[in-house]
């Protein structure tokens, strides 16, 4: 099998990375699916639905299970809590001007934590990109716009602190609902605040979009459509319109999307969110936004945060680290 460096190097804009004896995404994803606990997606769906109705106890159990202590950090990677709910990952020997990624975890806006995304954040730090991981308020107790407000504030704080931390450019990113929050954060802030966006299988429409992938992979592929529907309802249960551009960025007008910084979007081809990611990347391209779109063929949802698909994870880490390093220093504009 070639190194992950060589795998990542084969990725190009719009390229689908195929599974083969040299690219074992399908084998790893199939094993990942086979080893998922029976009924997990159903129980999570029920927990989210119960919380929307006022009983948060089952959801608290789900949150605890997704907040397990992460594996030890790679040698040379250190962390420190810069503020409540914010943790900075860096190598102890990081060079001055190291680029900074502000990262928002996934979990359908309802669970997930800094611990659940530590694997990716630590790997990025080891690859030479500092990462500020963010805990934001969770739905349904705190529906839209609470999580987005927290993410916007985290980026502002990062831009104010980047020089003191010895970092350079400021980017944002996230997986699944975290990717959604990264896009919305970029649209909320003045153009030029962020140097780039890194998005892993992001939610771009917070509703059933009727796409082929939403139906084809709606059960048994790491993110069931019933669970995604519950996530969407939890995030908007405060009465927000699911087609609000800051909730469903794919429904944003051209004037908002055209102001986004360069975007790297990585999808898994066996994921209900795959088609909406492809459509979003294509639309950005038509608007003149620089886009690097990578598709991990036969991979499934969760490869960034849940162990079990190491080839997709490794290729994604290297591709995203390289992408972020390509971009320069950024200052937070004074106007809001």
Protein backbone atom coordinates (compact mmCIF):
# COMPACT_ATOMS: atom_id res chain seq x y z
CA UNK A 1 0.00 0.00 0.00
CA UNK A 2 1.42 3.45 -0.86
CA UNK A 3 2.02 5.94 1.93
CA UNK A 4 -0.74 8.31 2.91
CA UNK A 5 1.41 11.08 1.46
CA UNK A 6 1.13 9.45 -1.96
CA UNK A 7 -2.59 8.78 -1.52
CA UNK A 8 -3.27 12.40 -0.63
CA UNK A 9 -1.11 13.62 -3.49
CA UNK A 10 -3.43 11.93 -5.99
CA UNK A 11 -6.33 14.12 -4.90
CA UNK A 12 -7.25 17.01 -7.16
CA UNK A 13 -10.21 19.31 -7.56
CA UNK A 14 -13.27 17.19 -8.29
CA UNK A 15 -11.34 13.92 -8.09
CA UNK A 16 -12.98 10.77 -6.76
CA UNK A 17 -10.45 8.63 -4.97
CA UNK A 18 -11.25 5.02 -5.88
CA UNK A 19 -11.00 2.00 -3.61
CA UNK A 20 -8.54 -0.69 -4.69
CA UNK A 21 -5.87 -2.97 -3.27
CA UNK A 22 -3.76 0.18 -2.98
CA UNK A 23 -6.60 2.32 -1.65
CA UNK A 24 -8.55 0.30 0.93
CA UNK A 25 -11.31 2.78 1.73
CA UNK A 26 -14.10 0.31 0.94
CA UNK A 27 -12.63 -2.55 2.98
CA UNK A 28 -12.11 -0.34 6.01
CA UNK A 29 -15.54 1.25 5.68
CA UNK A 30 -17.25 -2.13 5.35
CA UNK A 31 -15.49 -3.34 8.50
CA UNK A 32 -16.40 -0.12 10.27
CA UNK A 33 -20.07 -0.57 9.40
CA UNK A 34 -20.03 -4.24 10.44
CA UNK A 35 -18.57 -3.32 13.83
CA UNK A 36 -21.06 -0.57 14.66
CA UNK A 37 -23.22 -1.54 17.66
CA UNK A 38 -26.60 -2.87 16.60
CA UNK A 39 -29.36 -0.30 16.97
CA UNK A 40 -26.96 2.57 17.72
CA UNK A 41 -28.44 4.97 15.17
CA UNK A 42 -31.99 4.19 16.29
CA UNK A 43 -31.19 4.76 19.95
CA UNK A 44 -29.45 8.04 19.15
CA UNK A 45 -32.45 9.15 17.09
CA UNK A 46 -34.79 8.32 19.95
CA UNK A 47 -32.56 10.20 22.39
CA UNK A 48 -32.57 13.35 20.25
CA UNK A 49 -36.33 13.14 19.75
CA UNK A 50 -36.86 12.69 23.49
CA UNK A 51 -34.72 15.74 24.21
CA UNK A 52 -36.73 17.85 21.77
CA UNK A 53 -39.80 16.81 23.79
CA UNK A 54 -38.12 17.84 27.05
CA UNK A 55 -36.52 14.61 28.31
CA UNK A 56 -32.77 15.13 27.95
CA UNK A 57 -31.64 12.15 30.05
CA UNK A 58 -31.15 9.72 27.12
CA UNK A 59 -29.28 12.38 25.16
CA UNK A 60 -27.01 13.08 28.12
CA UNK A 61 -25.99 9.41 28.00
CA UNK A 62 -25.18 9.73 24.29
CA UNK A 63 -23.13 12.84 25.00
CA UNK A 64 -21.17 11.06 27.71
CA UNK A 65 -20.36 8.20 25.34
CA UNK A 66 -19.05 10.65 22.73
CA UNK A 67 -16.96 12.47 25.32
CA UNK A 68 -14.61 9.63 26.18
CA UNK A 69 -11.02 10.40 27.07
CA UNK A 70 -9.04 10.49 23.80
CA UNK A 71 -5.89 8.52 23.05
CA UNK A 72 -2.53 9.97 24.10
CA UNK A 73 -1.29 12.85 21.96
CA UNK A 74 1.47 12.32 19.40
CA UNK A 75 4.93 12.95 20.80
CA UNK A 76 5.72 16.66 20.72
CA UNK A 77 2.07 17.81 20.52
CA UNK A 78 0.88 19.86 23.48
CA UNK A 79 -2.44 21.36 24.49
CA UNK A 80 -3.63 24.20 26.65
CA UNK A 81 -7.05 25.58 27.41
CA UNK A 82 -7.05 29.18 26.20
CA UNK A 83 -10.57 29.92 27.46
CA UNK A 84 -13.54 27.91 28.72
CA UNK A 85 -14.52 25.51 25.94
CA UNK A 86 -11.46 26.23 23.79
CA UNK A 87 -8.32 24.09 23.55
CA UNK A 88 -5.21 24.91 21.55
CA UNK A 89 -3.25 22.05 19.97
CA UNK A 90 0.33 22.81 18.84
CA UNK A 91 3.67 21.15 18.49
CA UNK A 92 6.12 22.26 21.15
CA UNK A 93 8.59 23.07 18.37
CA UNK A 94 6.08 24.86 16.13
CA UNK A 95 7.63 27.50 13.92
CA UNK A 96 6.59 31.13 14.26
CA UNK A 97 3.71 31.87 11.93
CA UNK A 98 2.28 28.35 12.08
CA UNK A 99 -1.20 28.50 10.49
CA UNK A 100 -4.15 28.19 12.87
CA UNK A 101 -7.34 26.18 12.23
CA UNK A 102 -10.37 26.93 14.41
CA UNK A 103 -12.20 23.61 14.47
CA UNK A 104 -15.86 22.83 15.22
CA UNK A 105 -16.74 19.22 16.04
CA UNK A 106 -19.63 17.29 14.50
CA UNK A 107 -22.49 15.52 16.24
CA UNK A 108 -25.64 16.95 14.68
CA UNK A 109 -25.42 20.09 16.83
CA UNK A 110 -26.64 17.87 19.71
CA UNK A 111 -23.56 15.99 20.94
CA UNK A 112 -19.81 15.83 20.42
CA UNK A 113 -17.05 17.72 22.18
CA UNK A 114 -13.41 18.73 22.08
CA UNK A 115 -12.61 15.18 23.18
CA UNK A 116 -14.51 13.70 20.23
CA UNK A 117 -12.45 15.69 17.71
CA UNK A 118 -9.10 15.45 19.53
CA UNK A 119 -7.86 12.69 17.20
CA UNK A 120 -8.08 14.98 14.17
CA UNK A 121 -6.89 18.10 16.00
CA UNK A 122 -3.83 16.31 17.38
CA UNK A 123 -2.97 14.83 13.97
CA UNK A 124 -3.20 18.27 12.37
CA UNK A 125 -0.97 19.77 15.05
CA UNK A 126 1.54 16.99 14.43
CA UNK A 127 1.40 17.86 10.71
CA UNK A 128 2.31 21.49 11.42
CA UNK A 129 -1.09 23.20 11.74
CA UNK A 130 -2.11 24.62 15.13
CA UNK A 131 -5.73 23.89 15.99
CA UNK A 132 -8.12 25.67 18.32
CA UNK A 133 -10.90 23.17 19.11
CA UNK A 134 -14.19 24.67 20.26
CA UNK A 135 -16.98 23.39 22.48
CA UNK A 136 -20.19 25.20 21.58
CA UNK A 137 -23.63 25.08 23.17
CA UNK A 138 -25.69 22.08 22.08
CA UNK A 139 -29.24 21.70 20.83
CA UNK A 140 -32.06 21.18 21.55
CA UNK A 141 -31.49 22.95 24.88
CA UNK A 142 -29.66 25.66 22.94
CA UNK A 143 -31.05 25.74 19.39
CA UNK A 144 -29.94 28.01 16.56
CA UNK A 145 -28.27 30.50 16.78
CA UNK A 146 -26.51 29.57 20.06
CA UNK A 147 -23.89 27.26 18.54
CA UNK A 148 -23.20 29.68 15.69
CA UNK A 149 -22.83 32.60 18.11
CA UNK A 150 -20.26 30.60 20.07
CA UNK A 151 -18.32 29.70 16.91
CA UNK A 152 -18.25 33.30 15.69
CA UNK A 153 -16.98 34.43 19.08
CA UNK A 154 -14.28 31.73 19.03
CA UNK A 155 -12.98 32.94 15.66
CA UNK A 156 -12.95 36.53 16.84
CA UNK A 157 -10.98 35.51 19.91
CA UNK A 158 -8.57 33.49 17.77
CA UNK A 159 -7.95 36.43 15.45
CA UNK A 160 -7.27 38.66 18.45
CA UNK A 161 -4.86 36.10 19.95
CA UNK A 162 -3.16 34.59 16.91
CA UNK A 163 0.02 36.66 17.18
CA UNK A 164 0.36 36.01 20.91
CA UNK A 165 0.13 32.29 20.22
CA UNK A 166 2.88 32.51 17.63
CA UNK A 167 0.53 31.59 14.80
CA UNK A 168 -0.11 33.09 11.39
CA UNK A 169 -3.15 32.61 9.16
CA UNK A 170 -6.58 31.86 10.62
CA UNK A 171 -8.81 29.26 8.96
CA UNK A 172 -11.95 27.49 10.16
CA UNK A 173 -13.28 24.01 9.64
CA UNK A 174 -15.41 21.20 10.94
CA UNK A 175 -17.02 17.87 10.21
CA UNK A 176 -20.72 17.32 9.45
CA UNK A 177 -22.67 19.83 11.57
CA UNK A 178 -19.32 21.37 12.47
CA UNK A 179 -18.68 21.96 8.79
CA UNK A 180 -22.08 23.64 8.59
CA UNK A 181 -21.08 25.91 11.47
CA UNK A 182 -17.77 26.74 9.80
CA UNK A 183 -19.53 27.89 6.62
CA UNK A 184 -22.10 29.90 8.57
CA UNK A 185 -19.37 31.46 10.71
CA UNK A 186 -17.53 32.60 7.59
CA UNK A 187 -20.75 34.16 6.26
CA UNK A 188 -21.45 35.91 9.57
CA UNK A 189 -18.02 37.52 9.78
CA UNK A 190 -16.67 40.23 7.47
CA UNK A 191 -15.15 38.96 4.24
CA UNK A 192 -11.45 38.35 4.70
CA UNK A 193 -11.63 37.36 8.36
CA UNK A 194 -10.85 33.73 7.52
CA UNK A 195 -8.15 32.66 5.13
CA UNK A 196 -9.73 29.33 4.21
CA UNK A 197 -12.37 26.74 5.13
CA UNK A 198 -11.82 23.00 5.59
CA UNK A 199 -15.08 21.02 5.50
CA UNK A 200 -15.60 17.30 6.01
CA UNK A 201 -18.95 15.97 4.75
CA UNK A 202 -20.66 19.23 5.81
CA UNK A 203 -24.40 19.71 6.25
CA UNK A 204 -25.26 22.29 3.61
CA UNK A 205 -29.04 21.72 3.70
CA UNK A 206 -30.52 21.11 7.15
CA UNK A 207 -33.42 19.12 5.73
CA UNK A 208 -34.03 16.11 3.50
CA UNK A 209 -32.89 17.49 0.16
CA UNK A 210 -34.28 14.58 -1.88
CA UNK A 211 -30.87 13.84 -3.37
CA UNK A 212 -29.98 10.31 -4.49
CA UNK A 213 -27.38 9.86 -1.75
CA UNK A 214 -29.85 10.94 0.95
CA UNK A 215 -32.11 8.06 -0.04
CA UNK A 216 -29.55 5.46 -1.12
CA UNK A 217 -27.46 5.64 2.06
CA UNK A 218 -30.25 6.49 4.47
CA UNK A 219 -29.72 3.44 6.65
CA UNK A 220 -26.64 1.48 7.66
CA UNK A 221 -23.83 3.77 6.47
CA UNK A 222 -22.76 5.67 9.56
CA UNK A 223 -25.42 8.40 9.48
CA UNK A 224 -29.04 7.32 9.06
CA UNK A 225 -31.43 9.79 7.46
CA UNK A 226 -33.83 9.43 10.42
CA UNK A 227 -31.05 10.55 12.76
CA UNK A 228 -30.12 13.45 10.48
CA UNK A 229 -33.76 14.52 10.38
CA UNK A 230 -33.80 14.52 14.20
CA UNK A 231 -30.60 16.57 14.28
CA UNK A 232 -32.13 19.13 11.93
CA UNK A 233 -35.28 19.38 14.04
CA UNK A 234 -33.25 19.78 17.24
CA UNK A 235 -31.17 22.61 15.80
CA UNK A 236 -34.23 24.52 14.55
CA UNK A 237 -36.62 23.70 17.41
CA UNK A 238 -36.52 27.30 18.59
CA UNK A 239 -38.62 28.24 15.57
CA UNK A 240 -35.87 28.98 13.06
CA UNK A 241 -36.51 28.40 9.36
CA UNK A 242 -34.48 25.40 8.16
CA UNK A 243 -33.87 27.28 4.90
CA UNK A 244 -32.27 30.24 6.65
CA UNK A 245 -28.92 30.65 4.80
CA UNK A 246 -27.04 30.48 8.10
CA UNK A 247 -28.67 27.09 8.80
CA UNK A 248 -28.70 25.75 5.23
CA UNK A 249 -25.81 27.49 3.43
CA UNK A 250 -26.75 25.90 0.11
CA UNK A 251 -29.83 28.15 0.19
CA UNK A 252 -27.76 31.31 0.65
CA UNK A 253 -27.82 33.93 -2.10
CA UNK A 254 -24.86 34.26 -4.45
CA UNK A 255 -23.88 37.51 -2.75
CA UNK A 256 -23.19 35.66 0.52
CA UNK A 257 -21.48 32.61 -0.90
CA UNK A 258 -19.24 34.53 -3.27
CA UNK A 259 -17.56 36.17 -0.26
CA UNK A 260 -16.34 32.85 1.17
CA UNK A 261 -12.59 32.23 1.35
CA UNK A 262 -10.96 29.29 -0.48
CA UNK A 263 -12.72 26.05 0.45
CA UNK A 264 -11.57 22.46 0.73
CA UNK A 265 -14.54 20.07 0.88
CA UNK A 266 -13.98 16.37 1.56
CA UNK A 267 -16.88 13.95 1.15
CA UNK A 268 -17.48 10.23 1.58
CA UNK A 269 -19.27 8.74 -1.41
CA UNK A 270 -21.41 6.39 0.72
CA UNK A 271 -22.89 9.15 2.87
CA UNK A 272 -26.33 10.74 2.81
CA UNK A 273 -24.63 14.16 2.72
CA UNK A 274 -22.41 13.37 -0.26
CA UNK A 275 -24.60 14.79 -3.05
CA UNK A 276 -25.35 18.03 -1.25
CA UNK A 277 -21.61 18.49 -0.71
CA UNK A 278 -20.91 17.97 -4.41
CA UNK A 279 -23.64 20.44 -5.37
CA UNK A 280 -22.31 23.00 -2.89
CA UNK A 281 -18.75 22.70 -4.21
CA UNK A 282 -19.92 23.09 -7.81
CA UNK A 283 -21.95 26.17 -6.95
CA UNK A 284 -19.00 27.80 -5.21
CA UNK A 285 -16.87 27.12 -8.28
CA UNK A 286 -19.41 28.87 -10.51
CA UNK A 287 -19.26 31.88 -8.18
CA UNK A 288 -15.49 32.09 -8.49
CA UNK A 289 -14.67 30.78 -5.01
CA UNK A 290 -11.50 28.62 -5.15
CA UNK A 291 -12.60 25.07 -4.29
CA UNK A 292 -10.66 21.86 -3.75
CA UNK A 293 -13.22 19.05 -3.72
CA UNK A 294 -12.07 15.60 -2.61
CA UNK A 295 -14.26 12.48 -2.62
CA UNK A 296 -13.24 9.39 -0.67
CA UNK A 297 -14.84 6.66 -2.75
CA UNK A 298 -16.73 4.05 -0.69
CA UNK A 299 -15.82 5.69 2.61
CA UNK A 300 -18.69 6.44 4.99
CA UNK A 301 -19.59 9.18 7.44
CA UNK A 302 -17.54 9.62 10.65
CA UNK A 303 -14.06 8.86 9.28
CA UNK A 304 -12.69 12.07 10.81
CA UNK A 305 -13.85 11.57 14.40
CA UNK A 306 -14.48 7.85 14.95
CA UNK A 307 -11.59 5.36 14.51
CA UNK A 308 -12.06 2.61 11.94
CA UNK A 309 -11.29 4.16 8.55
CA UNK A 310 -7.59 4.99 8.92
CA UNK A 311 -6.79 5.38 5.21
CA UNK A 312 -9.50 7.98 4.64
CA UNK A 313 -8.55 9.70 7.89
CA UNK A 314 -4.85 9.84 7.03
CA UNK A 315 -5.43 11.11 3.50
CA UNK A 316 -7.83 13.76 4.81
CA UNK A 317 -5.39 14.96 7.46
CA UNK A 318 -2.58 15.37 4.97
CA UNK A 319 -4.73 17.01 2.31
CA UNK A 320 -6.24 19.48 4.77
CA UNK A 321 -2.89 20.31 6.38
CA UNK A 322 -1.38 21.02 2.97
CA UNK A 323 -4.37 23.12 1.95
CA UNK A 324 -4.21 25.30 5.05
CA UNK A 325 -0.46 25.77 4.73
CA UNK A 326 -0.93 27.20 1.24
CA UNK A 327 -2.66 30.29 2.63
CA UNK A 328 -1.13 33.35 4.23
CA UNK A 329 -1.56 35.52 7.28
CA UNK A 330 -4.89 37.13 8.07
CA UNK A 331 -6.03 40.03 10.28
CA UNK A 332 -9.55 40.49 11.64
CA UNK A 333 -11.20 43.48 9.96
CA UNK A 334 -12.35 46.20 12.32
CA UNK A 335 -15.89 46.55 10.89
CA UNK A 336 -18.59 43.96 11.69
